[in-house]
Amino acid sequence: IGKSADSASPVENGLLVYTIAITNFGPDIATGVEITDALPTGSLSYLSHSTGEGTYNDASGIWNVGTLDPLEVATLSITALV
């Protein structure tokens, strides 16, 4: 699992995009994959997200990835207001 932000120095009232990537290094299929990563309270306000795999609940911060084949990569991008 890796996490990055598009800015190391976000500005107040600006946008910040977090990207979380997860890779299944195998050798087996991973099932029931779930990641929890809530935005810091008071610092950021959730605006939107995009993911090619699974579902994301912005209220709980839970990304239900589901199933990942060996060497498959799934990403989640979260846009927040600083």
PDB file of N, CA and C in Angstrom:
ATOM      1  N   ILE A   1       0.856  -1.169   0.000  1.00  0.00           N
ATOM      2  CA  ILE A   1       0.000   0.000   0.000  1.00  0.00           C
ATOM      3  C   ILE A   1       0.897   1.225   0.000  1.00  0.00           C
ATOM      4  N   GLY A   2       0.568   2.164  -0.867  1.00  0.00           N
ATOM      5  CA  GLY A   2       1.292   3.425  -0.896  1.00  0.00           C
ATOM      6  C   GLY A   2       0.311   4.571  -0.918  1.00  0.00           C
ATOM      7  N   LYS A   3       0.710   5.707  -0.339  1.00  0.00           N
ATOM      8  CA  LYS A   3      -0.154   6.878  -0.306  1.00  0.00           C
ATOM      9  C   LYS A   3       0.676   8.093  -0.652  1.00  0.00           C
ATOM     10  N   SER A   4       0.109   8.961  -1.492  1.00  0.00           N
ATOM     11  CA  SER A   4       0.803  10.184  -1.853  1.00  0.00           C
ATOM     12  C   SER A   4      -0.205  11.319  -1.951  1.00  0.00           C
ATOM     13  N   ALA A   5       0.306  12.535  -1.912  1.00  0.00           N
ATOM     14  CA  ALA A   5      -0.519  13.729  -2.070  1.00  0.00           C
ATOM     15  C   ALA A   5       0.075  14.545  -3.206  1.00  0.00           C
ATOM     16  N   ASP A   6      -0.786  15.297  -3.890  1.00  0.00           N
ATOM     17  CA  ASP A   6      -0.287  16.067  -5.028  1.00  0.00           C
ATOM     18  C   ASP A   6       0.416  17.355  -4.621  1.00  0.00           C
ATOM     19  N   SER A   7       0.460  17.646  -3.304  1.00  0.00           N
ATOM     20  CA  SER A   7       1.157  18.830  -2.822  1.00  0.00           C
ATOM     21  C   SER A   7       1.725  18.567  -1.435  1.00  0.00           C
ATOM     22  N   ALA A   8       2.979  18.941  -1.241  1.00  0.00           N
ATOM     23  CA  ALA A   8       3.593  18.812   0.075  1.00  0.00           C
ATOM     24  C   ALA A   8       3.253  20.010   0.953  1.00  0.00           C
ATOM     25  N   SER A   9       2.800  21.097   0.336  1.00  0.00           N
ATOM     26  CA  SER A   9       2.458  22.327   1.058  1.00  0.00           C
ATOM     27  C   SER A   9       1.112  22.860   0.592  1.00  0.00           C
ATOM     28  N   PRO A  10       0.018  22.190   0.956  1.00  0.00           N
ATOM     29  CA  PRO A  10      -1.296  22.657   0.508  1.00  0.00           C
ATOM     30  C   PRO A  10      -1.648  24.011   1.136  1.00  0.00           C
ATOM     31  N   VAL A  11      -2.425  24.797   0.403  1.00  0.00           N
ATOM     32  CA  VAL A  11      -2.818  26.117   0.891  1.00  0.00           C
ATOM     33  C   VAL A  11      -4.277  26.092   1.331  1.00  0.00           C
ATOM     34  N   GLU A  12      -4.588  26.943   2.315  1.00  0.00           N
ATOM     35  CA  GLU A  12      -5.954  27.042   2.811  1.00  0.00           C
ATOM     36  C   GLU A  12      -6.899  27.411   1.674  1.00  0.00           C
ATOM     37  N   ASN A  13      -8.041  26.739   1.635  1.00  0.00           N
ATOM     38  CA  ASN A  13      -9.070  26.887   0.597  1.00  0.00           C
ATOM     39  C   ASN A  13      -8.632  26.351  -0.764  1.00  0.00           C
ATOM     40  N   GLY A  14      -7.529  25.625  -0.790  1.00  0.00           N
ATOM     41  CA  GLY A  14      -7.069  24.984  -2.010  1.00  0.00           C
ATOM     42  C   GLY A  14      -7.491  23.526  -2.027  1.00  0.00           C
ATOM     43  N   LEU A  15      -7.260  22.889  -3.153  1.00  0.00           N
ATOM     44  CA  LEU A  15      -7.591  21.472  -3.297  1.00  0.00           C
ATOM     45  C   LEU A  15      -6.355  20.620  -3.054  1.00  0.00           C
ATOM     46  N   LEU A  16      -6.586  19.452  -2.487  1.00  0.00           N
ATOM     47  CA  LEU A  16      -5.532  18.472  -2.258  1.00  0.00           C
ATOM     48  C   LEU A  16      -6.053  17.125  -2.726  1.00  0.00           C
ATOM     49  N   VAL A  17      -5.257  16.418  -3.510  1.00  0.00           N
ATOM     50  CA  VAL A  17      -5.648  15.098  -4.002  1.00  0.00           C
ATOM     51  C   VAL A  17      -4.717  14.050  -3.396  1.00  0.00           C
ATOM     52  N   TYR A  18      -5.312  13.134  -2.628  1.00  0.00           N
ATOM     53  CA  TYR A  18      -4.600  11.979  -2.096  1.00  0.00           C
ATOM     54  C   TYR A  18      -4.797  10.824  -3.068  1.00  0.00           C
ATOM     55  N   THR A  19      -3.745  10.060  -3.290  1.00  0.00           N
ATOM     56  CA  THR A  19      -3.859   8.846  -4.090  1.00  0.00           C
ATOM     57  C   THR A  19      -3.325   7.685  -3.264  1.00  0.00           C
ATOM     58  N   ILE A  20      -4.148   6.658  -3.153  1.00  0.00           N
ATOM     59  CA  ILE A  20      -3.768   5.438  -2.451  1.00  0.00           C
ATOM     60  C   ILE A  20      -3.706   4.326  -3.497  1.00  0.00           C
ATOM     61  N   ALA A  21      -2.609   3.592  -3.496  1.00  0.00           N
ATOM     62  CA  ALA A  21      -2.449   2.478  -4.436  1.00  0.00           C
ATOM     63  C   ALA A  21      -2.117   1.218  -3.650  1.00  0.00           C
ATOM     64  N   ILE A  22      -2.726   0.137  -4.066  1.00  0.00           N
ATOM     65  CA  ILE A  22      -2.468  -1.155  -3.433  1.00  0.00           C
ATOM     66  C   ILE A  22      -2.143  -2.167  -4.533  1.00  0.00           C
ATOM     67  N   THR A  23      -1.132  -2.981  -4.285  1.00  0.00           N
ATOM     68  CA  THR A  23      -0.707  -4.003  -5.244  1.00  0.00           C
ATOM     69  C   THR A  23      -0.743  -5.363  -4.576  1.00  0.00           C
ATOM     70  N   ASN A  24      -1.300  -6.339  -5.270  1.00  0.00           N
ATOM     71  CA  ASN A  24      -1.257  -7.719  -4.789  1.00  0.00           C
ATOM     72  C   ASN A  24      -0.025  -8.370  -5.405  1.00  0.00           C
ATOM     73  N   PHE A  25       1.001  -8.601  -4.596  1.00  0.00           N
ATOM     74  CA  PHE A  25       2.218  -9.216  -5.083  1.00  0.00           C
ATOM     75  C   PHE A  25       2.138 -10.739  -5.129  1.00  0.00           C
ATOM     76  N   GLY A  26       0.913 -11.273  -4.878  1.00  0.00           N
ATOM     77  CA  GLY A  26       0.652 -12.690  -5.075  1.00  0.00           C
ATOM     78  C   GLY A  26       1.391 -13.588  -4.119  1.00  0.00           C
ATOM     79  N   PRO A  27       1.435 -14.841  -4.446  1.00  0.00           N
ATOM     80  CA  PRO A  27       1.093 -15.431  -5.744  1.00  0.00           C
ATOM     81  C   PRO A  27      -0.394 -15.745  -5.904  1.00  0.00           C
ATOM     82  N   ASP A  28      -1.185 -15.559  -4.842  1.00  0.00           N
ATOM     83  CA  ASP A  28      -2.595 -15.929  -4.889  1.00  0.00           C
ATOM     84  C   ASP A  28      -3.490 -14.708  -5.090  1.00  0.00           C
ATOM     85  N   ILE A  29      -4.724 -14.974  -5.454  1.00  0.00           N
ATOM     86  CA  ILE A  29      -5.745 -13.929  -5.533  1.00  0.00           C
ATOM     87  C   ILE A  29      -6.051 -13.462  -4.116  1.00  0.00           C
ATOM     88  N   ALA A  30      -6.158 -12.149  -3.927  1.00  0.00           N
ATOM     89  CA  ALA A  30      -6.520 -11.591  -2.622  1.00  0.00           C
ATOM     90  C   ALA A  30      -8.007 -11.266  -2.641  1.00  0.00           C
ATOM     91  N   THR A  31      -8.739 -11.764  -1.664  1.00  0.00           N
ATOM     92  CA  THR A  31     -10.181 -11.511  -1.597  1.00  0.00           C
ATOM     93  C   THR A  31     -10.525 -10.765  -0.314  1.00  0.00           C
ATOM     94  N   GLY A  32     -11.628 -10.035  -0.348  1.00  0.00           N
ATOM     95  CA  GLY A  32     -12.077  -9.315   0.830  1.00  0.00           C
ATOM     96  C   GLY A  32     -11.148  -8.181   1.233  1.00  0.00           C
ATOM     97  N   VAL A  33     -10.452  -7.606   0.263  1.00  0.00           N
ATOM     98  CA  VAL A  33      -9.487  -6.545   0.556  1.00  0.00           C
ATOM     99  C   VAL A  33     -10.235  -5.269   0.940  1.00  0.00           C
ATOM    100  N   GLU A  34      -9.836  -4.696   2.077  1.00  0.00           N
ATOM    101  CA  GLU A  34     -10.479  -3.484   2.578  1.00  0.00           C
ATOM    102  C   GLU A  34      -9.411  -2.595   3.208  1.00  0.00           C
ATOM    103  N   ILE A  35      -9.431  -1.320   2.858  1.00  0.00           N
ATOM    104  CA  ILE A  35      -8.468  -0.348   3.371  1.00  0.00           C
ATOM    105  C   ILE A  35      -9.251   0.733   4.109  1.00  0.00           C
ATOM    106  N   THR A  36      -8.772   1.152   5.270  1.00  0.00           N
ATOM    107  CA  THR A  36      -9.390   2.255   5.995  1.00  0.00           C
ATOM    108  C   THR A  36      -8.413   3.415   6.037  1.00  0.00           C
ATOM    109  N   ASP A  37      -8.854   4.563   5.552  1.00  0.00           N
ATOM    110  CA  ASP A  37      -8.010   5.757   5.542  1.00  0.00           C
ATOM    111  C   ASP A  37      -8.912   6.988   5.559  1.00  0.00           C
ATOM    112  N   ALA A  38      -9.232   7.450   6.747  1.00  0.00           N
ATOM    113  CA  ALA A  38     -10.109   8.613   6.888  1.00  0.00           C
ATOM    114  C   ALA A  38      -9.303   9.901   6.764  1.00  0.00           C
ATOM    115  N   LEU A  39      -9.929  10.931   6.207  1.00  0.00           N
ATOM    116  CA  LEU A  39      -9.285  12.238   6.127  1.00  0.00           C
ATOM    117  C   LEU A  39      -9.153  12.822   7.532  1.00  0.00           C
ATOM    118  N   PRO A  40      -8.095  13.590   7.787  1.00  0.00           N
ATOM    119  CA  PRO A  40      -7.953  14.217   9.103  1.00  0.00           C
ATOM    120  C   PRO A  40      -9.123  15.162   9.382  1.00  0.00           C
ATOM    121  N   THR A  41      -9.736  15.022  10.531  1.00  0.00           N
ATOM    122  CA  THR A  41     -10.875  15.876  10.863  1.00  0.00           C
ATOM    123  C   THR A  41     -10.402  17.293  11.163  1.00  0.00           C
ATOM    124  N   GLY A  42     -11.174  18.259  10.691  1.00  0.00           N
ATOM    125  CA  GLY A  42     -10.861  19.651  10.943  1.00  0.00           C
ATOM    126  C   GLY A  42      -9.887  20.263   9.961  1.00  0.00           C
ATOM    127  N   SER A  43      -9.112  19.446   9.262  1.00  0.00           N
ATOM    128  CA  SER A  43      -8.112  19.954   8.324  1.00  0.00           C
ATOM    129  C   SER A  43      -8.593  19.925   6.877  1.00  0.00           C
ATOM    130  N   LEU A  44      -9.329  18.878   6.547  1.00  0.00           N
ATOM    131  CA  LEU A  44      -9.745  18.654   5.161  1.00  0.00           C
ATOM    132  C   LEU A  44     -11.225  18.343   5.089  1.00  0.00           C
ATOM    133  N   SER A  45     -11.842  18.799   4.020  1.00  0.00           N
ATOM    134  CA  SER A  45     -13.250  18.483   3.757  1.00  0.00           C
ATOM    135  C   SER A  45     -13.331  17.676   2.473  1.00  0.00           C
ATOM    136  N   TYR A  46     -13.949  16.514   2.573  1.00  0.00           N
ATOM    137  CA  TYR A  46     -14.116  15.629   1.416  1.00  0.00           C
ATOM    138  C   TYR A  46     -14.930  16.325   0.328  1.00  0.00           C
ATOM    139  N   LEU A  47     -14.467  16.218  -0.915  1.00  0.00           N
ATOM    140  CA  LEU A  47     -15.215  16.733  -2.059  1.00  0.00           C
ATOM    141  C   LEU A  47     -15.653  15.616  -3.000  1.00  0.00           C
ATOM    142  N   SER A  48     -14.706  14.731  -3.382  1.00  0.00           N
ATOM    143  CA  SER A  48     -15.043  13.665  -4.332  1.00  0.00           C
ATOM    144  C   SER A  48     -13.958  12.591  -4.305  1.00  0.00           C
ATOM    145  N   HIS A  49     -14.234  11.515  -5.007  1.00  0.00           N
ATOM    146  CA  HIS A  49     -13.236  10.451  -5.153  1.00  0.00           C
ATOM    147  C   HIS A  49     -13.437   9.748  -6.486  1.00  0.00           C
ATOM    148  N   SER A  50     -12.408   9.015  -6.892  1.00  0.00           N
ATOM    149  CA  SER A  50     -12.523   8.151  -8.062  1.00  0.00           C
ATOM    150  C   SER A  50     -11.709   6.887  -7.799  1.00  0.00           C
ATOM    151  N   THR A  51     -12.253   5.774  -8.239  1.00  0.00           N
ATOM    152  CA  THR A  51     -11.576   4.492  -8.093  1.00  0.00           C
ATOM    153  C   THR A  51     -12.015   3.572  -9.221  1.00  0.00           C
ATOM    154  N   GLY A  52     -11.100   2.759  -9.669  1.00  0.00           N
ATOM    155  CA  GLY A  52     -11.428   1.779 -10.694  1.00  0.00           C
ATOM    156  C   GLY A  52     -11.831   0.445 -10.096  1.00  0.00           C
ATOM    157  N   GLU A  53     -11.610   0.305  -8.797  1.00  0.00           N
ATOM    158  CA  GLU A  53     -11.887  -0.953  -8.109  1.00  0.00           C
ATOM    159  C   GLU A  53     -12.706  -0.697  -6.852  1.00  0.00           C
ATOM    160  N   GLY A  54     -13.758  -1.437  -6.667  1.00  0.00           N
ATOM    161  CA  GLY A  54     -14.506  -1.414  -5.417  1.00  0.00           C
ATOM    162  C   GLY A  54     -15.282  -0.140  -5.164  1.00  0.00           C
ATOM    163  N   THR A  55     -15.568   0.092  -3.878  1.00  0.00           N
ATOM    164  CA  THR A  55     -16.363   1.245  -3.466  1.00  0.00           C
ATOM    165  C   THR A  55     -15.666   1.954  -2.310  1.00  0.00           C
ATOM    166  N   TYR A  56     -15.898   3.257  -2.189  1.00  0.00           N
ATOM    167  CA  TYR A  56     -15.318   4.052  -1.113  1.00  0.00           C
ATOM    168  C   TYR A  56     -16.431   4.771  -0.374  1.00  0.00           C
ATOM    169  N   ASN A  57     -16.388   4.710   0.948  1.00  0.00           N
ATOM    170  CA  ASN A  57     -17.357   5.393   1.795  1.00  0.00           C
ATOM    171  C   ASN A  57     -16.647   6.568   2.449  1.00  0.00           C
ATOM    172  N   ASP A  58     -16.966   7.791   2.015  1.00  0.00           N
ATOM    173  CA  ASP A  58     -16.255   8.955   2.540  1.00  0.00           C
ATOM    174  C   ASP A  58     -16.560   9.217   4.013  1.00  0.00           C
ATOM    175  N   ALA A  59     -17.702   8.801   4.507  1.00  0.00           N
ATOM    176  CA  ALA A  59     -18.048   9.020   5.914  1.00  0.00           C
ATOM    177  C   ALA A  59     -17.186   8.150   6.850  1.00  0.00           C
ATOM    178  N   SER A  60     -16.939   6.909   6.464  1.00  0.00           N
ATOM    179  CA  SER A  60     -16.163   5.996   7.307  1.00  0.00           C
ATOM    180  C   SER A  60     -14.690   5.924   6.909  1.00  0.00           C
ATOM    181  N   GLY A  61     -14.374   6.337   5.675  1.00  0.00           N
ATOM    182  CA  GLY A  61     -13.005   6.223   5.181  1.00  0.00           C
ATOM    183  C   GLY A  61     -12.645   4.821   4.739  1.00  0.00           C
ATOM    184  N   ILE A  62     -13.654   3.962   4.558  1.00  0.00           N
ATOM    185  CA  ILE A  62     -13.396   2.569   4.175  1.00  0.00           C
ATOM    186  C   ILE A  62     -13.484   2.407   2.660  1.00  0.00           C
ATOM    187  N   TRP A  63     -12.416   1.880   2.092  1.00  0.00           N
ATOM    188  CA  TRP A  63     -12.351   1.534   0.673  1.00  0.00           C
ATOM    189  C   TRP A  63     -12.446   0.020   0.590  1.00  0.00           C
ATOM    190  N   ASN A  64     -13.572  -0.475   0.111  1.00  0.00           N
ATOM    191  CA  ASN A  64     -13.780  -1.906  -0.070  1.00  0.00           C
ATOM    192  C   ASN A  64     -13.297  -2.251  -1.472  1.00  0.00           C
ATOM    193  N   VAL A  65     -12.055  -2.705  -1.565  1.00  0.00           N
ATOM    194  CA  VAL A  65     -11.428  -3.009  -2.853  1.00  0.00           C
ATOM    195  C   VAL A  65     -12.022  -4.279  -3.448  1.00  0.00           C
ATOM    196  N   GLY A  66     -12.285  -5.264  -2.601  1.00  0.00           N
ATOM    197  CA  GLY A  66     -12.841  -6.526  -3.088  1.00  0.00           C
ATOM    198  C   GLY A  66     -11.751  -7.523  -3.397  1.00  0.00           C
ATOM    199  N   THR A  67     -11.643  -7.926  -4.660  1.00  0.00           N
ATOM    200  CA  THR A  67     -10.704  -8.961  -5.091  1.00  0.00           C
ATOM    201  C   THR A  67      -9.611  -8.371  -5.972  1.00  0.00           C
ATOM    202  N   LEU A  68      -8.382  -8.794  -5.712  1.00  0.00           N
ATOM    203  CA  LEU A  68      -7.247  -8.382  -6.535  1.00  0.00           C
ATOM    204  C   LEU A  68      -6.506  -9.617  -7.020  1.00  0.00           C
ATOM    205  N   ASP A  69      -6.328  -9.706  -8.313  1.00  0.00           N
ATOM    206  CA  ASP A  69      -5.541 -10.786  -8.893  1.00  0.00           C
ATOM    207  C   ASP A  69      -4.057 -10.547  -8.600  1.00  0.00           C
ATOM    208  N   PRO A  70      -3.235 -11.585  -8.718  1.00  0.00           N
ATOM    209  CA  PRO A  70      -1.794 -11.392  -8.538  1.00  0.00           C
ATOM    210  C   PRO A  70      -1.267 -10.318  -9.496  1.00  0.00           C
ATOM    211  N   LEU A  71      -0.460  -9.419  -8.969  1.00  0.00           N
ATOM    212  CA  LEU A  71       0.157  -8.292  -9.678  1.00  0.00           C
ATOM    213  C   LEU A  71      -0.830  -7.215 -10.103  1.00  0.00           C
ATOM    214  N   GLU A  72      -2.085  -7.324  -9.693  1.00  0.00           N
ATOM    215  CA  GLU A  72      -3.064  -6.278  -9.999  1.00  0.00           C
ATOM    216  C   GLU A  72      -2.852  -5.095  -9.062  1.00  0.00           C
ATOM    217  N   VAL A  73      -3.030  -3.890  -9.600  1.00  0.00           N
ATOM    218  CA  VAL A  73      -2.910  -2.657  -8.833  1.00  0.00           C
ATOM    219  C   VAL A  73      -4.265  -1.962  -8.839  1.00  0.00           C
ATOM    220  N   ALA A  74      -4.702  -1.504  -7.669  1.00  0.00           N
ATOM    221  CA  ALA A  74      -5.938  -0.729  -7.554  1.00  0.00           C
ATOM    222  C   ALA A  74      -5.583   0.634  -6.971  1.00  0.00           C
ATOM    223  N   THR A  75      -6.260   1.685  -7.454  1.00  0.00           N
ATOM    224  CA  THR A  75      -5.988   3.027  -6.945  1.00  0.00           C
ATOM    225  C   THR A  75      -7.271   3.730  -6.549  1.00  0.00           C
ATOM    226  N   LEU A  76      -7.130   4.592  -5.576  1.00  0.00           N
ATOM    227  CA  LEU A  76      -8.208   5.439  -5.102  1.00  0.00           C
ATOM    228  C   LEU A  76      -7.668   6.848  -4.999  1.00  0.00           C
ATOM    229  N   SER A  77      -8.350   7.797  -5.607  1.00  0.00           N
ATOM    230  CA  SER A  77      -7.972   9.206  -5.493  1.00  0.00           C
ATOM    231  C   SER A  77      -9.089   9.948  -4.777  1.00  0.00           C
ATOM    232  N   ILE A  78      -8.698  10.729  -3.763  1.00  0.00           N
ATOM    233  CA  ILE A  78      -9.653  11.491  -2.958  1.00  0.00           C
ATOM    234  C   ILE A  78      -9.309  12.969  -3.084  1.00  0.00           C
ATOM    235  N   THR A  79     -10.277  13.767  -3.503  1.00  0.00           N
ATOM    236  CA  THR A  79     -10.085  15.214  -3.595  1.00  0.00           C
ATOM    237  C   THR A  79     -10.729  15.868  -2.385  1.00  0.00           C
ATOM    238  N   ALA A  80      -9.960  16.715  -1.727  1.00  0.00           N
ATOM    239  CA  ALA A  80     -10.432  17.378  -0.510  1.00  0.00           C
ATOM    240  C   ALA A  80     -10.127  18.872  -0.573  1.00  0.00           C
ATOM    241  N   LEU A  81     -10.921  19.633   0.162  1.00  0.00           N
ATOM    242  CA  LEU A  81     -10.697  21.066   0.314  1.00  0.00           C
ATOM    243  C   LEU A  81      -9.915  21.282   1.597  1.00  0.00           C
ATOM    244  N   VAL A  82      -8.838  22.032   1.504  1.00  0.00           N
ATOM    245  CA  VAL A  82      -7.985  22.296   2.665  1.00  0.00           C
ATOM    246  C   VAL A  82      -8.604  23.406   3.493  1.00  0.00           C
TER     247      VAL A  82
END
